[in-house]
Amino acid sequence: MSQIIKHLEHSTIKKTAARCKRLGITIPTFAQLRNPETLPPGVKEKLTKIGLWDVNPLNLYRITWKNDIQTGLFGGVNYLEIPSALSGVEARIIGLVGKYFPTGAHKVGAAFGCLVPRLVSGEFDPERHKAVWPSTGNYCRGGAFDCALLGCTAIAILPEEMSQERFAWLREIGAEVIATPGCESNVKEIYDKCWELKKDPLNIIFNQFDEFGNPIYHYTVTGPALLEVLSSLGDPALRAAAFISATGSAGTIAAGDYLKKHHPDLKIVASEALQCPTLLMNGFGGHRIEGIGDKHVPWVHNVRNTDAVAAIDDEDCMRLLRLFNEAPGKSYLKEIGVPANKVNALNLLGISCIANLLAAIKTAKYYELGRNDIILTIFTDSVELYESRLLELAAGRGAYHRDQAIRDHAAPLAHQSIDYFKELTHADRKAIHNLKYYTWVEQQGKTYEEILAQWEPAYWSRLFEEEVVYFDELIEAFNAEIAAAPETS
């Protein structure tokens, strides 16, 4: 029995399948997104004529780490290795690149994992329901894009202080946009708006913080992509030492659960903003690392599997955003020996990606990792989504010069220390897990019995291993319904 899909609405399934046939929609399985080379030749041929960001249903098949932007088809996993000349550590830091997803960010996959199972089971009726996407950034963009491809109505909720690129794009794609008070860490205000919208039963809330389709996508698709990169390095002496992920909604960090299954000694390190150190010290506050909501522990976070927490100063991220993207900064990095092709690729890192990089550096220093140690992480989006932030920094701090580049390399990078890094004991993990009670049981309607069940490893292995098998069965059955639906003129 599925823990997520409670019932099948057969009449809605038939109606939605017929609608999809009219709109030219078929839906990929999670297995196909994990291995897009297995897609039917007819789908691949059509994709070569479609842009990555085009609002075309076939772009559902591009919700994968393996998009080849040169051919329009698929290749190896997109990743970037950070050279030691930049990181200052011997350990090899490798991040998957999210820019080459539709929308330019990997959250489109998390949204797919939440919406599609509800659609193919008939629990979500696109002719009646609206999909509500509460978010601190990229998740609502991914949800709005998926809705546009699937012919669904989207409502995006995000904090009013997010970058203007996000708001403009959401309106362009046709989503209704609701701006809530505050910044990235103001998650409760988002939840309050959800409770308000939930009064109308036609609004279906896809809350990434408690929707298990979010981590299931990353366990099923992102985790294997990371393992594939590791295998492609071709050196048996290399060791998967750590996986770094900003907690945010705790979806991406589930890729670490997959890695740990194959590499039991791997450390899963959760990164967060120092200005809002929720996991580190039960802290709170506002910060500028866009896309990682805080002040609570997401319901979908398997806390017992997390080994350490690294808190990153948001000022370090903003300084490196300029160092990596302003001409004097890039010139200086080349001067000190960072290869030109790597410098030119640093625009693949958005603000939270820089935070992941800094957490990886802390991890390497804390565990004294060497040249045979691999630290895996996620570069979720690119600077393309933060151009307005660069303009704001230039307006507020003045033109960028070589002297500033020297300082920004020396402090945030070369002298990044192991302060605000905490290796978790069993008791520490239990304390973080217990924080879920106050948000989810007292405020959001979860049960006391389930929060107890979440402490047991079997709860998570059942979710991550078994649910996706059922999801794919439902998707295949739904596609069969589409094929069987009568043709319409």
Protein backbone atom coordinates (compact mmCIF):
# COMPACT_ATOMS: atom_id res chain seq x y z
CA MET A 1 0.00 0.00 0.00
CA SER A 2 1.36 3.42 -0.96
CA GLN A 3 2.04 5.91 1.83
CA ILE A 4 1.55 8.77 -0.65
CA ILE A 5 -1.19 7.83 -3.12
CA LYS A 6 -4.28 7.14 -1.03
CA HIS A 7 -6.70 6.12 -3.78
CA LEU A 8 -7.14 5.91 -7.55
CA GLU A 9 -9.85 8.04 -9.18
CA HIS A 10 -10.45 5.96 -12.30
CA SER A 11 -12.94 8.33 -13.93
CA THR A 12 -10.55 11.26 -13.48
CA ILE A 13 -7.66 9.18 -14.84
CA LYS A 14 -9.60 8.44 -18.03
CA LYS A 15 -10.70 12.04 -18.45
CA THR A 16 -7.20 13.41 -17.83
CA ALA A 17 -5.64 10.85 -20.19
CA ALA A 18 -8.01 11.93 -22.97
CA ARG A 19 -7.10 15.55 -22.23
CA CYS A 20 -3.40 14.71 -22.42
CA LYS A 21 -3.94 13.04 -25.78
CA ARG A 22 -5.55 16.23 -27.12
CA LEU A 23 -2.59 18.26 -25.82
CA GLY A 24 0.06 15.84 -27.14
CA ILE A 25 1.28 14.88 -23.66
CA THR A 26 2.90 11.67 -22.53
CA ILE A 27 4.77 11.35 -19.24
CA PRO A 28 8.23 9.88 -18.63
CA THR A 29 8.79 7.39 -15.85
CA PHE A 30 11.28 8.09 -13.08
CA ALA A 31 13.37 5.27 -14.55
CA GLN A 32 13.52 7.13 -17.88
CA LEU A 33 14.58 10.38 -16.19
CA ARG A 34 17.31 8.44 -14.44
CA ASN A 35 18.40 6.85 -17.74
CA PRO A 36 17.10 9.03 -20.60
CA GLU A 37 19.13 7.04 -23.11
CA THR A 38 16.30 4.47 -22.85
CA LEU A 39 13.71 6.88 -24.29
CA PRO A 40 11.89 5.80 -27.48
CA PRO A 41 13.66 6.95 -30.68
CA GLY A 42 10.60 8.95 -31.72
CA VAL A 43 10.78 11.10 -28.58
CA LYS A 44 14.50 11.72 -29.06
CA GLU A 45 14.02 12.78 -32.68
CA LYS A 46 11.39 15.37 -31.73
CA LEU A 47 13.50 16.75 -28.87
CA THR A 48 16.25 17.87 -31.24
CA LYS A 49 13.84 20.51 -32.59
CA ILE A 50 12.75 21.85 -29.18
CA GLY A 51 14.58 24.38 -26.99
CA LEU A 52 15.44 23.48 -23.40
CA TRP A 53 13.13 26.12 -21.93
CA ASP A 54 10.33 25.79 -24.50
CA VAL A 55 6.86 25.26 -23.06
CA ASN A 56 6.43 21.96 -24.87
CA PRO A 57 5.24 18.74 -23.20
CA LEU A 58 8.21 16.85 -24.59
CA ASN A 59 10.45 18.83 -22.24
CA LEU A 60 9.11 16.61 -19.47
CA TYR A 61 11.65 14.12 -20.80
CA ARG A 62 14.45 16.61 -20.13
CA ILE A 63 13.95 16.67 -16.36
CA THR A 64 17.27 14.89 -16.00
CA TRP A 65 20.94 15.56 -15.21
CA LYS A 66 22.00 14.24 -18.62
CA ASN A 67 20.85 16.91 -21.09
CA ASP A 68 23.34 17.56 -23.88
CA ILE A 69 22.71 21.16 -24.85
CA GLN A 70 24.79 20.80 -28.02
CA THR A 71 22.71 18.02 -29.58
CA GLY A 72 19.40 18.49 -27.77
CA LEU A 73 19.63 14.85 -26.72
CA PHE A 74 21.41 13.16 -23.81
CA GLY A 75 24.95 12.34 -22.81
CA GLY A 76 26.84 11.91 -19.57
CA VAL A 77 25.90 13.61 -16.34
CA ASN A 78 26.55 17.36 -16.35
CA TYR A 79 29.06 18.19 -13.62
CA LEU A 80 31.84 20.61 -12.73
CA GLU A 81 34.99 19.79 -10.76
CA ILE A 82 36.42 22.63 -8.69
CA PRO A 83 40.22 22.74 -8.99
CA SER A 84 42.40 22.75 -5.88
CA ALA A 85 43.88 26.08 -7.03
CA LEU A 86 40.46 27.56 -6.26
CA SER A 87 39.25 25.46 -3.31
CA GLY A 88 42.57 25.43 -1.46
CA VAL A 89 42.08 21.79 -0.44
CA GLU A 90 43.49 18.56 -1.85
CA ALA A 91 40.17 16.73 -1.84
CA ARG A 92 38.37 16.78 -5.18
CA ILE A 93 35.09 18.71 -5.06
CA ILE A 94 32.60 17.78 -7.78
CA GLY A 95 29.14 19.30 -8.23
CA LEU A 96 26.31 18.30 -10.53
CA VAL A 97 25.26 21.25 -12.72
CA GLY A 98 21.61 22.27 -12.51
CA LYS A 99 21.69 24.97 -15.19
CA TYR A 100 20.99 22.44 -17.94
CA PHE A 101 17.58 21.51 -16.62
CA PRO A 102 14.56 23.27 -18.13
CA THR A 103 14.13 26.51 -16.10
CA GLY A 104 17.87 26.46 -15.36
CA ALA A 105 17.48 24.79 -11.97
CA HIS A 106 17.11 21.24 -10.69
CA LYS A 107 13.97 21.98 -8.66
CA VAL A 108 11.89 21.24 -11.74
CA GLY A 109 12.62 17.59 -10.91
CA ALA A 110 11.40 17.88 -7.32
CA ALA A 111 8.17 19.48 -8.58
CA PHE A 112 7.75 16.65 -11.12
CA GLY A 113 8.11 14.14 -8.29
CA CYS A 114 5.30 15.83 -6.36
CA LEU A 115 2.79 16.60 -9.13
CA VAL A 116 2.98 13.66 -11.53
CA PRO A 117 2.05 10.85 -9.08
CA ARG A 118 -1.05 12.83 -8.06
CA LEU A 119 -1.94 13.49 -11.70
CA VAL A 120 -1.63 9.89 -12.94
CA SER A 121 -3.53 8.54 -9.92
CA GLY A 122 -6.45 10.92 -10.52
CA GLU A 123 -6.02 12.65 -7.15
CA PHE A 124 -5.22 15.86 -9.05
CA ASP A 125 -7.72 16.84 -11.73
CA PRO A 126 -6.25 19.51 -14.05
CA GLU A 127 -9.73 20.57 -15.15
CA ARG A 128 -10.78 21.38 -11.58
CA HIS A 129 -7.77 21.79 -9.34
CA LYS A 130 -5.07 24.41 -9.03
CA ALA A 131 -1.52 23.36 -8.08
CA VAL A 132 -0.12 25.54 -5.28
CA TRP A 133 3.68 25.71 -5.07
CA PRO A 134 4.97 27.18 -1.76
CA SER A 135 8.64 27.94 -2.22
CA THR A 136 11.69 29.99 -1.31
CA GLY A 137 12.73 30.26 -4.96
CA ASN A 138 13.30 27.66 -7.63
CA TYR A 139 10.71 25.10 -6.55
CA CYS A 140 7.74 27.27 -7.48
CA ARG A 141 9.45 28.02 -10.82
CA GLY A 142 9.81 24.29 -11.43
CA GLY A 143 6.20 23.68 -10.42
CA ALA A 144 4.92 26.45 -12.68
CA PHE A 145 6.94 25.06 -15.60
CA ASP A 146 5.71 21.50 -15.03
CA CYS A 147 2.15 22.80 -14.84
CA ALA A 148 2.59 24.67 -18.13
CA LEU A 149 3.83 21.48 -19.81
CA LEU A 150 0.99 19.40 -18.36
CA GLY A 151 -1.77 21.94 -18.95
CA CYS A 152 -2.41 22.59 -15.25
CA THR A 153 -3.08 25.84 -13.41
CA ALA A 154 -0.27 26.98 -11.08
CA ILE A 155 -0.17 29.29 -8.06
CA ALA A 156 3.35 30.22 -6.95
CA ILE A 157 4.04 31.41 -3.40
CA LEU A 158 7.44 32.89 -2.56
CA PRO A 159 8.93 35.56 -0.26
CA GLU A 160 8.73 39.12 -1.52
CA GLU A 161 12.49 39.67 -1.11
CA MET A 162 13.47 37.02 -3.67
CA SER A 163 15.27 38.12 -6.84
CA GLN A 164 13.10 39.92 -9.39
CA GLU A 165 14.12 37.47 -12.12
CA ARG A 166 11.97 34.86 -10.40
CA PHE A 167 8.86 37.01 -10.19
CA ALA A 168 9.12 38.18 -13.80
CA TRP A 169 9.58 34.68 -15.17
CA LEU A 170 6.69 33.24 -13.16
CA ARG A 171 4.30 35.84 -14.50
CA GLU A 172 5.53 35.30 -18.05
CA ILE A 173 4.78 31.59 -17.88
CA GLY A 174 1.24 32.25 -16.70
CA ALA A 175 1.38 31.41 -12.99
CA GLU A 176 -0.58 33.31 -10.41
CA VAL A 177 2.05 34.79 -8.06
CA ILE A 178 1.65 35.45 -4.33
CA ALA A 179 4.49 37.27 -2.52
CA THR A 180 4.65 36.63 1.22
CA PRO A 181 6.48 38.84 3.77
CA GLY A 182 10.20 38.43 4.35
CA CYS A 183 13.18 36.62 2.83
CA GLU A 184 14.40 33.06 2.29
CA SER A 185 14.06 32.07 5.93
CA ASN A 186 10.45 33.26 6.32
CA VAL A 187 8.89 29.85 5.77
CA LYS A 188 6.13 30.14 8.36
CA GLU A 189 4.60 33.04 6.43
CA ILE A 190 4.46 30.75 3.39
CA TYR A 191 2.75 28.04 5.44
CA ASP A 192 0.22 30.55 6.74
CA LYS A 193 -0.71 31.47 3.17
CA CYS A 194 -1.05 27.76 2.34
CA TRP A 195 -3.52 27.27 5.20
CA GLU A 196 -5.53 30.19 3.83
CA LEU A 197 -5.59 28.76 0.30
CA LYS A 198 -6.34 25.26 1.59
CA LYS A 199 -9.79 26.41 2.68
CA ASP A 200 -10.75 26.07 -0.98
CA PRO A 201 -10.67 22.30 -1.73
CA LEU A 202 -9.81 23.05 -5.35
CA ASN A 203 -6.39 24.32 -4.29
CA ILE A 204 -4.01 21.37 -3.95
CA ILE A 205 -0.92 22.28 -1.91
CA PHE A 206 2.33 20.73 -3.13
CA ASN A 207 4.47 21.68 -0.13
CA GLN A 208 8.04 20.65 -0.94
CA PHE A 209 8.85 20.55 2.78
CA ASP A 210 6.43 17.67 3.43
CA GLU A 211 5.81 16.14 -0.03
CA PHE A 212 7.80 12.92 -0.28
CA GLY A 213 7.83 13.09 -4.08
CA ASN A 214 10.54 15.74 -3.61
CA PRO A 215 13.19 13.53 -1.94
CA ILE A 216 12.04 10.49 -3.92
CA TYR A 217 13.00 12.24 -7.16
CA HIS A 218 16.47 13.01 -5.78
CA TYR A 219 17.00 9.55 -4.31
CA THR A 220 15.95 7.97 -7.61
CA VAL A 221 17.48 10.36 -10.17
CA THR A 222 20.07 12.61 -8.49
CA GLY A 223 21.67 9.92 -6.33
CA PRO A 224 22.41 7.59 -9.27
CA ALA A 225 23.72 10.56 -11.30
CA LEU A 226 26.24 11.31 -8.54
CA LEU A 227 27.25 7.65 -8.39
CA GLU A 228 27.66 7.61 -12.18
CA VAL A 229 30.03 10.60 -12.03
CA LEU A 230 32.05 8.87 -9.34
CA SER A 231 32.30 5.69 -11.43
CA SER A 232 33.26 7.66 -14.55
CA LEU A 233 36.44 8.92 -12.85
CA GLY A 234 37.85 5.46 -13.39
CA ASP A 235 40.23 5.31 -10.45
CA PRO A 236 39.59 2.56 -7.86
CA ALA A 237 41.77 4.42 -5.35
CA LEU A 238 39.25 7.25 -5.14
CA ARG A 239 36.88 7.29 -2.17
CA ALA A 240 33.42 8.82 -1.90
CA ALA A 241 34.13 10.76 1.28
CA ALA A 242 31.22 13.18 1.63
CA PHE A 243 28.04 14.56 0.11
CA ILE A 244 27.15 18.20 0.72
CA SER A 245 23.66 19.64 0.37
CA ALA A 246 21.94 22.73 1.66
CA THR A 247 18.97 21.44 3.59
CA GLY A 248 16.39 23.86 2.18
CA SER A 249 13.39 21.62 1.65
CA ALA A 250 15.53 18.51 2.40
CA GLY A 251 14.78 17.05 -1.01
CA THR A 252 18.24 17.16 -2.55
CA ILE A 253 19.92 15.80 0.58
CA ALA A 254 18.07 12.51 -0.03
CA ALA A 255 20.57 11.86 -2.85
CA GLY A 256 23.02 11.36 0.01
CA ASP A 257 20.86 8.52 1.32
CA TYR A 258 21.29 6.78 -2.04
CA LEU A 259 25.05 7.36 -2.02
CA LYS A 260 25.35 6.10 1.54
CA LYS A 261 23.59 2.90 0.60
CA HIS A 262 26.47 2.21 -1.83
CA HIS A 263 29.24 3.88 0.20
CA PRO A 264 28.39 3.36 3.89
CA ASP A 265 31.37 5.40 5.14
CA LEU A 266 30.32 8.52 3.22
CA LYS A 267 29.48 11.56 5.37
CA ILE A 268 26.26 13.45 4.63
CA VAL A 269 26.79 17.13 5.49
CA ALA A 270 23.86 19.54 5.65
CA SER A 271 24.72 23.16 4.95
CA GLU A 272 22.69 26.18 6.01
CA ALA A 273 23.08 29.92 6.49
CA LEU A 274 25.06 31.06 9.55
CA GLN A 275 22.54 33.88 9.89
CA CYS A 276 19.80 31.27 10.41
CA PRO A 277 21.55 28.28 12.08
CA THR A 278 18.50 26.10 12.64
CA LEU A 279 20.25 22.72 12.61
CA LEU A 280 23.51 23.99 14.10
CA MET A 281 22.07 25.67 17.20
CA ASN A 282 18.26 25.78 16.91
CA GLY A 283 18.75 29.30 15.59
CA PHE A 284 16.69 31.69 13.51
CA GLY A 285 17.10 34.85 11.45
CA GLY A 286 17.13 36.28 7.94
CA HIS A 287 19.80 35.62 5.31
CA ARG A 288 20.70 36.13 1.64
CA ILE A 289 21.40 32.58 0.43
CA GLU A 290 18.41 32.43 -1.87
CA GLY A 291 16.49 29.19 -2.19
CA ILE A 292 17.14 27.57 1.20
CA GLY A 293 14.24 28.08 3.60
CA ASP A 294 14.97 27.72 7.30
CA LYS A 295 13.67 28.13 10.87
CA HIS A 296 12.32 24.60 10.85
CA VAL A 297 13.28 21.01 10.03
CA PRO A 298 11.47 19.76 6.90
CA TRP A 299 9.18 16.78 7.40
CA VAL A 300 10.92 14.96 4.54
CA HIS A 301 14.44 15.17 6.05
CA ASN A 302 15.86 11.82 7.14
CA VAL A 303 17.79 13.44 9.99
CA ARG A 304 19.13 10.17 11.38
CA ASN A 305 21.22 9.76 8.23
CA THR A 306 22.86 13.22 8.48
CA ASP A 307 26.41 13.19 9.85
CA ALA A 308 27.34 16.87 10.17
CA VAL A 309 26.11 20.44 9.78
CA ALA A 310 28.06 23.33 8.23
CA ALA A 311 26.81 26.90 8.62
CA ILE A 312 27.94 29.34 5.91
CA ASP A 313 28.15 33.11 6.28
CA ASP A 314 25.94 34.66 3.61
CA GLU A 315 28.42 37.54 3.27
CA ASP A 316 31.03 35.04 2.05
CA CYS A 317 28.58 33.92 -0.63
CA MET A 318 27.86 37.45 -1.81
CA ARG A 319 31.57 38.30 -1.99
CA LEU A 320 32.31 35.17 -4.01
CA LEU A 321 29.36 35.90 -6.30
CA ARG A 322 31.26 39.02 -7.37
CA LEU A 323 34.69 37.34 -7.41
CA PHE A 324 33.40 34.59 -9.72
CA ASN A 325 31.53 36.90 -12.10
CA GLU A 326 33.16 40.35 -12.20
CA ALA A 327 35.98 40.75 -14.75
CA PRO A 328 38.65 41.81 -12.21
CA GLY A 329 37.80 38.80 -10.06
CA LYS A 330 38.05 36.35 -12.94
CA SER A 331 41.36 37.89 -14.04
CA TYR A 332 42.80 37.53 -10.55
CA LEU A 333 41.75 33.88 -10.29
CA LYS A 334 43.58 33.16 -13.55
CA GLU A 335 46.65 34.97 -12.18
CA ILE A 336 46.85 32.64 -9.19
CA GLY A 337 46.69 29.53 -11.32
CA VAL A 338 43.03 28.64 -11.68
CA PRO A 339 42.65 27.26 -15.23
CA ALA A 340 40.84 29.67 -17.55
CA ASN A 341 38.19 27.12 -18.53
CA LYS A 342 37.34 26.60 -14.84
CA VAL A 343 37.17 30.33 -14.16
CA ASN A 344 34.85 30.78 -17.13
CA ALA A 345 32.62 27.98 -15.79
CA LEU A 346 32.11 29.59 -12.37
CA ASN A 347 28.99 31.33 -13.68
CA LEU A 348 27.39 27.88 -13.34
CA LEU A 349 27.20 28.54 -9.58
CA GLY A 350 24.32 30.51 -8.11
CA ILE A 351 24.33 31.76 -4.53
CA SER A 352 23.30 28.53 -2.80
CA CYS A 353 25.80 26.64 -4.98
CA ILE A 354 28.56 28.85 -3.59
CA ALA A 355 27.31 27.96 -0.10
CA ASN A 356 27.59 24.26 -0.99
CA LEU A 357 31.14 24.84 -2.25
CA LEU A 358 32.14 26.56 0.99
CA ALA A 359 30.57 23.76 3.02
CA ALA A 360 32.58 21.27 0.96
CA ILE A 361 35.79 23.19 1.79
CA LYS A 362 34.91 23.15 5.50
CA THR A 363 34.23 19.42 5.28
CA ALA A 364 37.57 18.73 3.60
CA LYS A 365 39.42 20.66 6.28
CA TYR A 366 37.47 19.22 9.20
CA TYR A 367 37.94 15.59 8.14
CA GLU A 368 41.46 16.24 6.80
CA LEU A 369 40.56 14.77 3.40
CA GLY A 370 43.25 14.16 0.79
CA ARG A 371 43.70 13.84 -2.94
CA ASN A 372 41.97 10.45 -3.15
CA ASP A 373 38.85 11.75 -1.41
CA ILE A 374 35.86 12.88 -3.46
CA ILE A 375 33.36 15.39 -2.08
CA LEU A 376 30.14 15.39 -4.08
CA THR A 377 27.67 18.25 -4.07
CA ILE A 378 24.99 19.98 -6.13
CA PHE A 379 25.28 23.23 -8.07
CA THR A 380 21.55 23.73 -8.19
CA ASP A 381 21.30 26.76 -10.48
CA SER A 382 23.49 29.40 -12.10
CA VAL A 383 24.25 33.10 -11.86
CA GLU A 384 21.76 33.61 -14.68
CA LEU A 385 19.06 33.72 -12.00
CA TYR A 386 20.92 36.33 -9.91
CA GLU A 387 21.98 39.04 -12.36
CA SER A 388 19.93 41.58 -10.42
CA ARG A 389 21.86 40.71 -7.26
CA LEU A 390 25.14 41.51 -9.01
CA LEU A 391 23.73 44.87 -10.07
CA GLU A 392 22.57 45.56 -6.50
CA LEU A 393 26.00 44.71 -5.12
CA ALA A 394 27.68 46.99 -7.64
CA ALA A 395 25.28 49.82 -6.84
CA GLY A 396 25.71 49.41 -3.10
CA ARG A 397 29.44 48.68 -2.89
CA GLY A 398 30.88 50.37 -5.94
CA ALA A 399 32.94 49.09 -8.85
CA TYR A 400 34.85 45.86 -8.36
CA HIS A 401 38.66 46.07 -8.38
CA ARG A 402 41.64 43.71 -8.19
CA ASP A 403 42.32 44.65 -4.55
CA GLN A 404 38.80 43.56 -3.65
CA ALA A 405 39.26 40.34 -5.59
CA ILE A 406 42.42 39.58 -3.57
CA ARG A 407 40.51 40.10 -0.30
CA ASP A 408 37.53 38.07 -1.48
CA HIS A 409 39.75 35.16 -2.43
CA ALA A 410 41.79 35.33 0.77
CA ALA A 411 38.97 35.42 3.32
CA PRO A 412 35.96 33.40 2.06
CA LEU A 413 38.07 30.84 0.14
CA ALA A 414 41.70 30.51 1.23
CA HIS A 415 40.90 31.06 4.90
CA GLN A 416 37.55 29.32 5.07
CA SER A 417 37.82 27.60 8.44
CA ILE A 418 36.11 24.76 10.31
CA ASP A 419 34.25 27.10 12.61
CA TYR A 420 30.48 26.64 12.64
CA PHE A 421 30.96 23.00 11.62
CA LYS A 422 29.41 20.37 13.86
CA GLU A 423 29.79 16.60 13.62
CA LEU A 424 26.53 15.13 14.89
CA THR A 425 26.34 12.52 17.62
CA HIS A 426 23.37 10.19 17.89
CA ALA A 427 21.91 12.51 20.53
CA ASP A 428 22.43 15.55 18.27
CA ARG A 429 20.52 13.86 15.46
CA LYS A 430 17.70 12.94 17.78
CA ALA A 431 17.51 16.54 19.04
CA ILE A 432 17.22 17.87 15.48
CA HIS A 433 14.63 15.24 14.62
CA ASN A 434 12.60 16.21 17.69
CA LEU A 435 12.37 19.80 16.40
CA LYS A 436 10.00 18.52 13.73
CA TYR A 437 7.35 18.09 16.41
CA TYR A 438 6.79 21.80 16.96
CA THR A 439 6.31 22.65 13.28
CA TRP A 440 4.66 19.54 11.94
CA VAL A 441 2.65 17.93 14.73
CA GLU A 442 1.62 21.03 16.66
CA GLN A 443 1.13 23.37 13.66
CA GLN A 444 0.76 21.41 10.44
CA GLY A 445 -1.42 18.45 11.38
CA LYS A 446 1.05 15.56 11.25
CA THR A 447 0.61 12.72 13.72
CA TYR A 448 2.59 11.83 16.81
CA GLU A 449 2.76 8.23 15.60
CA GLU A 450 4.38 9.17 12.29
CA ILE A 451 7.07 11.37 13.82
CA LEU A 452 8.04 8.38 15.96
CA ALA A 453 8.04 6.15 12.88
CA GLN A 454 10.34 8.59 11.05
CA TRP A 455 13.16 7.84 13.47
CA GLU A 456 13.32 4.26 12.18
CA PRO A 457 15.48 3.59 9.07
CA ALA A 458 12.83 1.22 7.65
CA TYR A 459 10.43 4.16 7.27
CA TRP A 460 12.79 5.86 4.82
CA SER A 461 13.97 2.80 2.94
CA ARG A 462 10.35 1.84 2.28
CA LEU A 463 9.57 5.35 1.02
CA PHE A 464 12.64 5.75 -1.16
CA GLU A 465 12.83 2.22 -2.55
CA GLU A 466 9.22 1.13 -2.95
CA GLU A 467 7.09 4.19 -3.70
CA VAL A 468 8.89 5.02 -6.95
CA VAL A 469 8.20 1.51 -8.28
CA TYR A 470 4.50 2.15 -7.78
CA PHE A 471 4.79 5.64 -9.29
CA ASP A 472 6.29 4.19 -12.47
CA GLU A 473 3.57 1.56 -12.68
CA LEU A 474 0.95 4.32 -12.47
CA ILE A 475 2.74 6.39 -15.13
CA GLU A 476 2.96 3.45 -17.52
CA ALA A 477 -0.74 2.66 -16.98
CA PHE A 478 -1.62 6.31 -17.53
CA ASN A 479 0.34 6.44 -20.80
CA ALA A 480 -1.54 3.32 -21.90
CA GLU A 481 -4.79 5.17 -21.17
CA ILE A 482 -3.55 8.06 -23.32
CA ALA A 483 -2.78 5.69 -26.19
CA ALA A 484 -6.21 4.05 -25.87
CA ALA A 485 -8.14 7.34 -25.72
CA PRO A 486 -10.17 8.10 -28.87
CA GLU A 487 -8.75 10.52 -31.38
CA THR A 488 -10.38 13.95 -31.51
CA SER A 489 -10.46 16.32 -34.42
